[in-house]
Amino acid sequence: MGHAKKDVPFQSLKIAVLTVSDTRTPENDTSGDALVSGLTDAGHTLADRAISKDDVYQLRAVASKWIADEAVQAILVTGGTGFTLRDTTPEALTPLFDKAIEGYGELFRQLSYEEIGTSTIQSRAFAGVANRTVIFCMPGSTGACKTAWNGIIREQLDARHRPCNFVEMVMTTKSVETACGPRG
């Protein structure tokens, strides 16, 4: 981690992973597996995992359950961010946001451009915050999940990252210390 504040302790978060797909199963969900490996290797806890059909109302139901659960602090969503008729993740989840994180999609496409060139314009990667839960949505490919996790999300969910990160915002404990300074 390039901008770590050494005297700030790591804070393990509870993170849910949602794969949006009409064809993936627990046996072949390599994108969800990559996200689970990334978050657990970083020291976080998998709060829950699901696979949902690319259907606006099914996606909202799963995400809303986790957003309402105070134990879930972050949600990683893979799939449904393209431009086909079946890609409905942005339409399903953005209405649930209290705030959008505009820079996430911009940065994801910048990093992705280095890997896949101009095809990155077909990604509608996006993020937001709902009920103190940060939600990162990325394309369904395993490579895209690794790019998002390693290039953006891992640091933003690490309390030691500076100058700021999302940990302070999602933790409900008043004594949480992050690189942004102590809360409370």
C-alpha atoms as a PDB file:
ATOM      1  CA  MET A   1       0.000   0.000   0.000  1.00  0.00           C
ATOM      2  CA  GLY A   2       1.636   3.175  -1.223  1.00  0.00           C
ATOM      3  CA  HIS A   3       0.020   5.667   1.152  1.00  0.00           C
ATOM      4  CA  ALA A   4      -0.322   3.736   4.405  1.00  0.00           C
ATOM      5  CA  LYS A   5      -0.266   5.435   7.769  1.00  0.00           C
ATOM      6  CA  LYS A   6       1.754   3.019   9.904  1.00  0.00           C
ATOM      7  CA  ASP A   7       0.386   3.970  13.324  1.00  0.00           C
ATOM      8  CA  VAL A   8      -3.253   3.359  12.346  1.00  0.00           C
ATOM      9  CA  PRO A   9      -4.516  -0.177  13.048  1.00  0.00           C
ATOM     10  CA  PHE A  10      -6.157  -2.276  10.339  1.00  0.00           C
ATOM     11  CA  GLN A  11      -9.958  -2.489  10.704  1.00  0.00           C
ATOM     12  CA  SER A  12     -11.547  -5.675   9.356  1.00  0.00           C
ATOM     13  CA  LEU A  13     -14.815  -4.973   7.551  1.00  0.00           C
ATOM     14  CA  LYS A  14     -17.718  -7.313   6.839  1.00  0.00           C
ATOM     15  CA  ILE A  15     -18.145  -7.371   3.061  1.00  0.00           C
ATOM     16  CA  ALA A  16     -20.852  -9.041   0.954  1.00  0.00           C
ATOM     17  CA  VAL A  17     -20.259 -10.182  -2.637  1.00  0.00           C
ATOM     18  CA  LEU A  18     -23.016 -10.233  -5.253  1.00  0.00           C
ATOM     19  CA  THR A  19     -22.528 -11.776  -8.679  1.00  0.00           C
ATOM     20  CA  VAL A  20     -25.038 -10.645 -11.291  1.00  0.00           C
ATOM     21  CA  SER A  21     -25.448 -13.308 -13.940  1.00  0.00           C
ATOM     22  CA  ASP A  22     -28.032 -15.407 -15.710  1.00  0.00           C
ATOM     23  CA  THR A  23     -25.536 -18.245 -16.206  1.00  0.00           C
ATOM     24  CA  ARG A  24     -23.049 -18.358 -13.324  1.00  0.00           C
ATOM     25  CA  THR A  25     -23.299 -20.882 -10.527  1.00  0.00           C
ATOM     26  CA  PRO A  26     -21.334 -21.267  -7.281  1.00  0.00           C
ATOM     27  CA  GLU A  27     -19.136 -23.779  -9.115  1.00  0.00           C
ATOM     28  CA  ASN A  28     -18.107 -21.457 -11.986  1.00  0.00           C
ATOM     29  CA  ASP A  29     -18.287 -17.979 -10.446  1.00  0.00           C
ATOM     30  CA  THR A  30     -14.609 -17.084 -10.882  1.00  0.00           C
ATOM     31  CA  SER A  31     -15.309 -13.353 -10.572  1.00  0.00           C
ATOM     32  CA  GLY A  32     -17.014 -13.736  -7.208  1.00  0.00           C
ATOM     33  CA  ASP A  33     -14.218 -16.099  -6.144  1.00  0.00           C
ATOM     34  CA  ALA A  34     -11.602 -13.463  -7.039  1.00  0.00           C
ATOM     35  CA  LEU A  35     -13.380 -10.832  -4.944  1.00  0.00           C
ATOM     36  CA  VAL A  36     -13.769 -13.196  -1.980  1.00  0.00           C
ATOM     37  CA  SER A  37     -10.073 -14.112  -2.193  1.00  0.00           C
ATOM     38  CA  GLY A  38      -9.087 -10.451  -2.394  1.00  0.00           C
ATOM     39  CA  LEU A  39     -11.127  -9.344   0.583  1.00  0.00           C
ATOM     40  CA  THR A  40     -10.188 -12.282   2.808  1.00  0.00           C
ATOM     41  CA  ASP A  41      -6.495 -12.057   1.857  1.00  0.00           C
ATOM     42  CA  ALA A  42      -6.641  -8.381   2.872  1.00  0.00           C
ATOM     43  CA  GLY A  43      -7.997  -9.354   6.313  1.00  0.00           C
ATOM     44  CA  HIS A  44     -11.699  -8.607   5.835  1.00  0.00           C
ATOM     45  CA  THR A  45     -14.581 -10.986   6.545  1.00  0.00           C
ATOM     46  CA  LEU A  46     -17.044 -12.295   3.976  1.00  0.00           C
ATOM     47  CA  ALA A  47     -20.453 -11.310   5.383  1.00  0.00           C
ATOM     48  CA  ASP A  48     -22.519 -13.030   2.700  1.00  0.00           C
ATOM     49  CA  ARG A  49     -22.385 -14.075  -0.933  1.00  0.00           C
ATOM     50  CA  ALA A  50     -25.099 -14.443  -3.541  1.00  0.00           C
ATOM     51  CA  ILE A  51     -25.669 -14.907  -7.248  1.00  0.00           C
ATOM     52  CA  SER A  52     -28.648 -13.090  -8.728  1.00  0.00           C
ATOM     53  CA  LYS A  53     -30.231 -13.107 -12.145  1.00  0.00           C
ATOM     54  CA  ASP A  54     -29.789  -9.827 -14.012  1.00  0.00           C
ATOM     55  CA  ASP A  55     -33.215  -8.550 -12.986  1.00  0.00           C
ATOM     56  CA  VAL A  56     -33.764  -5.090 -11.516  1.00  0.00           C
ATOM     57  CA  TYR A  57     -36.071  -6.248  -8.740  1.00  0.00           C
ATOM     58  CA  GLN A  58     -34.064  -9.328  -7.736  1.00  0.00           C
ATOM     59  CA  LEU A  59     -30.891  -7.203  -7.568  1.00  0.00           C
ATOM     60  CA  ARG A  60     -32.600  -4.558  -5.465  1.00  0.00           C
ATOM     61  CA  ALA A  61     -33.963  -7.210  -3.098  1.00  0.00           C
ATOM     62  CA  VAL A  62     -30.532  -8.725  -2.412  1.00  0.00           C
ATOM     63  CA  ALA A  63     -28.755  -5.369  -2.137  1.00  0.00           C
ATOM     64  CA  SER A  64     -31.506  -3.833   0.025  1.00  0.00           C
ATOM     65  CA  LYS A  65     -31.282  -6.725   2.491  1.00  0.00           C
ATOM     66  CA  TRP A  66     -27.542  -6.130   2.905  1.00  0.00           C
ATOM     67  CA  ILE A  67     -27.889  -2.322   2.997  1.00  0.00           C
ATOM     68  CA  ALA A  68     -30.406  -2.676   5.851  1.00  0.00           C
ATOM     69  CA  ASP A  69     -28.119  -5.077   7.754  1.00  0.00           C
ATOM     70  CA  GLU A  70     -25.875  -3.033  10.084  1.00  0.00           C
ATOM     71  CA  ALA A  71     -23.351  -5.882  10.078  1.00  0.00           C
ATOM     72  CA  VAL A  72     -22.632  -5.448   6.342  1.00  0.00           C
ATOM     73  CA  GLN A  73     -20.316  -2.499   5.773  1.00  0.00           C
ATOM     74  CA  ALA A  74     -19.501  -2.921   2.087  1.00  0.00           C
ATOM     75  CA  ILE A  75     -20.948  -4.685  -0.946  1.00  0.00           C
ATOM     76  CA  LEU A  76     -18.964  -5.742  -4.000  1.00  0.00           C
ATOM     77  CA  VAL A  77     -21.094  -6.327  -7.094  1.00  0.00           C
ATOM     78  CA  THR A  78     -19.746  -7.996 -10.219  1.00  0.00           C
ATOM     79  CA  GLY A  79     -21.645  -8.138 -13.500  1.00  0.00           C
ATOM     80  CA  GLY A  80     -24.507  -6.440 -15.264  1.00  0.00           C
ATOM     81  CA  THR A  81     -22.637  -3.182 -15.954  1.00  0.00           C
ATOM     82  CA  GLY A  82     -22.360  -3.436 -19.752  1.00  0.00           C
ATOM     83  CA  PHE A  83     -24.669  -2.192 -22.477  1.00  0.00           C
ATOM     84  CA  THR A  84     -26.684  -5.266 -23.458  1.00  0.00           C
ATOM     85  CA  LEU A  85     -30.408  -5.362 -22.830  1.00  0.00           C
ATOM     86  CA  ARG A  86     -29.811  -7.729 -19.905  1.00  0.00           C
ATOM     87  CA  ASP A  87     -27.287  -5.429 -18.169  1.00  0.00           C
ATOM     88  CA  THR A  88     -29.383  -3.688 -15.514  1.00  0.00           C
ATOM     89  CA  THR A  89     -27.136  -3.344 -12.462  1.00  0.00           C
ATOM     90  CA  PRO A  90     -26.810   0.488 -12.696  1.00  0.00           C
ATOM     91  CA  GLU A  91     -30.551   0.910 -13.175  1.00  0.00           C
ATOM     92  CA  ALA A  92     -31.254  -1.449 -10.275  1.00  0.00           C
ATOM     93  CA  LEU A  93     -28.844  -0.097  -7.696  1.00  0.00           C
ATOM     94  CA  THR A  94     -28.282   3.629  -8.266  1.00  0.00           C
ATOM     95  CA  PRO A  95     -31.796   4.504  -7.001  1.00  0.00           C
ATOM     96  CA  LEU A  96     -30.779   2.952  -3.664  1.00  0.00           C
ATOM     97  CA  PHE A  97     -27.792   5.281  -3.195  1.00  0.00           C
ATOM     98  CA  ASP A  98     -27.772   8.162  -0.749  1.00  0.00           C
ATOM     99  CA  LYS A  99     -24.648   9.440  -2.532  1.00  0.00           C
ATOM    100  CA  ALA A 100     -22.818   8.453  -5.693  1.00  0.00           C
ATOM    101  CA  ILE A 101     -19.041   7.997  -5.736  1.00  0.00           C
ATOM    102  CA  GLU A 102     -18.400   9.519  -9.150  1.00  0.00           C
ATOM    103  CA  GLY A 103     -14.632   9.078  -9.138  1.00  0.00           C
ATOM    104  CA  TYR A 104     -14.782   5.290  -8.844  1.00  0.00           C
ATOM    105  CA  GLY A 105     -16.130   4.674 -12.357  1.00  0.00           C
ATOM    106  CA  GLU A 106     -13.761   7.236 -13.816  1.00  0.00           C
ATOM    107  CA  LEU A 107     -10.729   5.696 -12.127  1.00  0.00           C
ATOM    108  CA  PHE A 108     -11.823   2.147 -12.975  1.00  0.00           C
ATOM    109  CA  ARG A 109     -12.048   3.028 -16.669  1.00  0.00           C
ATOM    110  CA  GLN A 110      -8.630   4.712 -16.527  1.00  0.00           C
ATOM    111  CA  LEU A 111      -7.035   1.592 -15.028  1.00  0.00           C
ATOM    112  CA  SER A 112      -8.980  -0.665 -17.361  1.00  0.00           C
ATOM    113  CA  TYR A 113      -7.852   1.330 -20.417  1.00  0.00           C
ATOM    114  CA  GLU A 114      -4.281   0.284 -19.665  1.00  0.00           C
ATOM    115  CA  GLU A 115      -5.411  -3.364 -19.851  1.00  0.00           C
ATOM    116  CA  ILE A 116      -8.094  -3.519 -22.556  1.00  0.00           C
ATOM    117  CA  GLY A 117      -7.828  -0.240 -24.448  1.00  0.00           C
ATOM    118  CA  THR A 118     -10.869   1.592 -25.737  1.00  0.00           C
ATOM    119  CA  SER A 119     -13.210  -1.311 -24.944  1.00  0.00           C
ATOM    120  CA  THR A 120     -13.289   0.138 -21.430  1.00  0.00           C
ATOM    121  CA  ILE A 121     -15.895   2.673 -22.615  1.00  0.00           C
ATOM    122  CA  GLN A 122     -18.383  -0.208 -22.603  1.00  0.00           C
ATOM    123  CA  SER A 123     -18.089  -0.470 -18.817  1.00  0.00           C
ATOM    124  CA  ARG A 124     -20.590   1.307 -16.629  1.00  0.00           C
ATOM    125  CA  ALA A 125     -18.654   0.640 -13.408  1.00  0.00           C
ATOM    126  CA  PHE A 126     -20.096   2.763 -10.602  1.00  0.00           C
ATOM    127  CA  ALA A 127     -20.226   3.086  -6.822  1.00  0.00           C
ATOM    128  CA  GLY A 128     -22.218   4.730  -4.096  1.00  0.00           C
ATOM    129  CA  VAL A 129     -23.170   4.813  -0.455  1.00  0.00           C
ATOM    130  CA  ALA A 130     -26.489   3.679   1.011  1.00  0.00           C
ATOM    131  CA  ASN A 131     -27.238   3.621   4.737  1.00  0.00           C
ATOM    132  CA  ARG A 132     -23.514   3.799   5.640  1.00  0.00           C
ATOM    133  CA  THR A 133     -22.795   0.858   3.315  1.00  0.00           C
ATOM    134  CA  VAL A 134     -20.332   1.476   0.492  1.00  0.00           C
ATOM    135  CA  ILE A 135     -21.191  -0.342  -2.752  1.00  0.00           C
ATOM    136  CA  PHE A 136     -18.711  -0.917  -5.579  1.00  0.00           C
ATOM    137  CA  CYS A 137     -20.056  -2.283  -8.883  1.00  0.00           C
ATOM    138  CA  MET A 138     -17.753  -3.611 -11.576  1.00  0.00           C
ATOM    139  CA  PRO A 139     -17.903  -5.648 -14.776  1.00  0.00           C
ATOM    140  CA  GLY A 140     -18.377  -9.402 -14.587  1.00  0.00           C
ATOM    141  CA  SER A 141     -15.010 -10.538 -15.880  1.00  0.00           C
ATOM    142  CA  THR A 142     -12.512 -11.942 -13.421  1.00  0.00           C
ATOM    143  CA  GLY A 143      -9.870  -9.556 -14.759  1.00  0.00           C
ATOM    144  CA  ALA A 144     -12.116  -6.545 -14.171  1.00  0.00           C
ATOM    145  CA  CYS A 145     -12.761  -7.674 -10.596  1.00  0.00           C
ATOM    146  CA  LYS A 146      -9.037  -7.974  -9.938  1.00  0.00           C
ATOM    147  CA  THR A 147      -8.423  -4.546 -11.493  1.00  0.00           C
ATOM    148  CA  ALA A 148     -11.124  -2.949  -9.342  1.00  0.00           C
ATOM    149  CA  TRP A 149     -10.066  -4.689  -6.129  1.00  0.00           C
ATOM    150  CA  ASN A 150      -6.305  -4.288  -6.482  1.00  0.00           C
ATOM    151  CA  GLY A 151      -6.346  -0.862  -8.116  1.00  0.00           C
ATOM    152  CA  ILE A 152      -9.023   0.928  -6.086  1.00  0.00           C
ATOM    153  CA  ILE A 153     -11.205  -0.909  -3.599  1.00  0.00           C
ATOM    154  CA  ARG A 154      -8.539  -2.623  -1.449  1.00  0.00           C
ATOM    155  CA  GLU A 155      -7.006   0.700  -0.414  1.00  0.00           C
ATOM    156  CA  GLN A 156     -10.342   2.486  -0.003  1.00  0.00           C
ATOM    157  CA  LEU A 157     -11.485  -0.205   2.451  1.00  0.00           C
ATOM    158  CA  ASP A 158      -8.269  -0.024   4.481  1.00  0.00           C
ATOM    159  CA  ALA A 159      -8.299   2.338   7.489  1.00  0.00           C
ATOM    160  CA  ARG A 160      -4.557   2.898   7.079  1.00  0.00           C
ATOM    161  CA  HIS A 161      -4.842   4.371   3.574  1.00  0.00           C
ATOM    162  CA  ARG A 162      -4.301   8.093   3.383  1.00  0.00           C
ATOM    163  CA  PRO A 163      -5.188  10.797   2.896  1.00  0.00           C
ATOM    164  CA  CYS A 164      -8.688   9.288   3.280  1.00  0.00           C
ATOM    165  CA  ASN A 165     -10.708   6.102   2.857  1.00  0.00           C
ATOM    166  CA  PHE A 166     -14.256   4.837   3.338  1.00  0.00           C
ATOM    167  CA  VAL A 167     -13.683   2.943   6.601  1.00  0.00           C
ATOM    168  CA  GLU A 168     -14.557   5.852   8.895  1.00  0.00           C
ATOM    169  CA  MET A 169     -17.845   6.320   7.081  1.00  0.00           C
ATOM    170  CA  VAL A 170     -18.991   2.679   7.275  1.00  0.00           C
ATOM    171  CA  MET A 171     -17.909   1.868  10.822  1.00  0.00           C
ATOM    172  CA  THR A 172     -20.570   2.580  13.425  1.00  0.00           C
ATOM    173  CA  THR A 173     -18.147   2.438  16.368  1.00  0.00           C
ATOM    174  CA  LYS A 174     -17.296   5.934  17.560  1.00  0.00           C
ATOM    175  CA  SER A 175     -13.727   5.018  18.478  1.00  0.00           C
ATOM    176  CA  VAL A 176     -12.650   4.000  14.959  1.00  0.00           C
ATOM    177  CA  GLU A 177      -9.309   5.462  13.971  1.00  0.00           C
ATOM    178  CA  THR A 178      -8.406   5.879  10.323  1.00  0.00           C
ATOM    179  CA  ALA A 179      -5.718   7.697   8.393  1.00  0.00           C
ATOM    180  CA  CYS A 180      -8.237  10.559   8.168  1.00  0.00           C
ATOM    181  CA  GLY A 181      -8.129  10.944  11.965  1.00  0.00           C
ATOM    182  CA  PRO A 182     -10.137   9.516  14.864  1.00  0.00           C
ATOM    183  CA  ARG A 183     -13.942   9.718  14.867  1.00  0.00           C
ATOM    184  CA  GLY A 184     -16.045  10.840  17.722  1.00  0.00           C
END
